[in-house]
Protein backbone atom coordinates (compact mmCIF):
# COMPACT_ATOMS: atom_id res chain seq x y z
CA MET A 1 7.05 -10.61 -193.41
CA PRO A 2 10.77 -10.74 -194.28
CA LEU A 3 12.25 -8.59 -197.01
CA SER A 4 13.23 -10.07 -200.33
CA ASP A 5 16.79 -9.80 -201.61
CA ASP A 6 15.77 -7.06 -204.03
CA GLU A 7 14.10 -5.05 -201.24
CA LYS A 8 17.15 -5.46 -199.02
CA ARG A 9 19.38 -4.22 -201.83
CA ILE A 10 17.16 -1.17 -202.42
CA LEU A 11 17.08 -0.44 -198.70
CA SER A 12 20.86 -0.62 -198.40
CA GLU A 13 21.24 1.71 -201.42
CA LEU A 14 18.90 4.21 -199.80
CA GLU A 15 20.84 4.05 -196.54
CA GLU A 16 24.11 4.68 -198.38
CA GLN A 17 22.62 7.67 -200.20
CA LEU A 18 21.31 9.15 -196.96
CA GLN A 19 24.69 8.75 -195.26
CA THR A 20 26.50 10.60 -198.04
CA ASP A 21 23.89 13.35 -198.49
CA THR A 22 25.32 16.27 -196.49
CA LYS A 23 22.54 18.67 -197.51
CA PHE A 24 19.94 16.33 -196.01
CA ALA A 25 22.06 15.80 -192.89
CA ASN A 26 22.32 19.56 -192.33
CA ALA A 27 18.59 19.99 -192.86
CA VAL A 28 17.63 17.46 -190.19
CA SER A 29 20.35 18.28 -187.69
CA SER A 30 19.23 19.91 -184.45
CA SER A 31 20.32 23.36 -185.61
CA GLY A 32 18.95 22.91 -189.12
CA LEU A 33 15.44 22.04 -188.01
CA TYR A 34 14.88 25.43 -186.44
CA SER A 35 16.92 27.60 -188.78
CA TYR A 36 13.84 28.76 -190.73
CA ALA A 37 12.01 29.76 -187.55
CA ILE A 38 15.08 31.50 -186.14
CA ARG A 39 15.56 33.40 -189.40
CA LYS A 40 11.93 34.52 -189.29
CA VAL A 41 12.29 35.63 -185.66
CA ARG A 42 15.37 37.68 -186.56
CA TRP A 43 13.57 39.44 -189.43
CA ALA A 44 10.52 40.06 -187.26
CA THR A 45 12.75 41.54 -184.54
CA LEU A 46 14.22 43.89 -187.11
CA GLY A 47 10.66 44.73 -188.16
CA VAL A 48 9.76 45.58 -184.56
CA LEU A 49 12.71 47.94 -184.29
CA VAL A 50 11.97 49.62 -187.64
CA SER A 51 8.28 49.95 -186.75
CA LEU A 52 9.17 51.47 -183.39
CA VAL A 53 11.40 54.08 -185.02
CA PHE A 54 8.69 54.75 -187.63
CA THR A 55 6.08 55.16 -184.89
CA VAL A 56 8.19 57.62 -182.90
CA LEU A 57 9.10 59.67 -185.96
CA THR A 58 5.57 59.83 -187.33
CA LEU A 59 4.05 60.91 -184.01
CA GLN A 60 5.18 64.40 -185.04
CA ILE A 61 3.15 64.16 -188.26
CA HIS A 62 -0.16 62.57 -187.29
CA PHE A 63 -1.23 60.04 -184.72
CA LEU A 64 -3.05 57.86 -187.30
CA VAL A 65 0.15 57.41 -189.32
CA ALA A 66 1.97 56.52 -186.12
CA PHE A 67 -0.80 54.05 -185.32
CA LEU A 68 -0.01 52.25 -188.60
CA GLY A 69 3.56 51.87 -187.38
CA PHE A 70 2.24 50.48 -184.12
CA LEU A 71 0.12 47.95 -186.04
CA GLY A 72 3.23 46.89 -187.98
CA MET A 73 5.08 46.44 -184.71
CA LEU A 74 2.19 44.40 -183.33
CA ALA A 75 2.20 42.17 -186.42
CA CYS A 76 5.93 41.53 -186.05
CA VAL A 77 5.54 40.65 -182.37
CA LEU A 78 2.78 38.19 -183.29
CA VAL A 79 5.08 36.56 -185.85
CA ILE A 80 7.79 36.22 -183.20
CA GLU A 81 5.34 34.70 -180.73
CA HIS A 82 3.99 32.26 -183.31
CA GLN A 83 7.47 31.10 -184.35
CA LEU A 84 8.63 30.63 -180.77
CA ARG A 85 5.55 28.58 -179.95
CA ALA A 86 6.09 26.50 -183.08
CA MET A 87 9.62 25.71 -181.99
CA SER A 88 8.27 24.42 -178.65
CA LYS A 89 10.28 23.86 -175.51
CA ALA A 90 12.55 21.26 -177.12
CA GLY A 91 13.33 23.63 -179.96
CA MET A 92 14.11 26.45 -177.56
CA LYS A 93 16.48 24.16 -175.67
CA ASP A 94 18.30 23.35 -178.93
CA VAL A 95 18.53 27.04 -179.79
CA ALA A 96 19.80 27.87 -176.29
CA ASP A 97 22.44 25.13 -176.53
CA THR A 98 23.53 26.44 -179.93
CA LEU A 99 23.81 29.99 -178.59
CA ARG A 100 25.77 28.81 -175.56
CA SER A 101 28.23 26.82 -177.67
CA ALA A 102 28.67 29.77 -180.03
CA ALA A 103 29.33 32.06 -177.08
CA LYS A 104 31.93 29.70 -175.66
CA VAL A 105 33.71 29.48 -179.01
CA GLY A 106 33.77 33.27 -179.21
CA GLY A 107 35.75 33.46 -175.98
CA PHE A 108 33.07 34.71 -173.60
CA ARG A 109 30.32 33.09 -171.58
CA ALA A 110 26.68 34.01 -172.07
CA ARG A 111 24.24 34.00 -169.20
CA ASN A 112 21.82 31.10 -169.08
CA ILE A 113 18.75 33.13 -169.91
CA PHE A 114 16.96 30.13 -171.38
CA ASP A 115 17.32 27.84 -168.38
CA ARG A 116 14.45 27.79 -165.92
CA GLU A 117 15.76 24.82 -163.89
CA GLN A 118 17.42 26.68 -161.04
């Protein structure tokens, strides 16, 4: 069923709005789609490091307190694992490409740790 003139006009207005909306374009770009997951992975990595330090320091006090630190570390690792699975292989490829391009801009080359196609 063909579109009426009014529907065509509305559709063209929507297309124009989408082309000029930079916030929307950044949100759906390849780097923007995974930015939330990457941010969560970064915070969880920091949580792992803090929990590890907490665990080592509290081993001198009592092993049950240190065990709470270990549980915190385990929770952070589970968050990292969940986010990486959610990003899937395509998402990881986008992240790897982003990291590689950022490394090249910085003046040094990063190893291809994300490529398994050798």
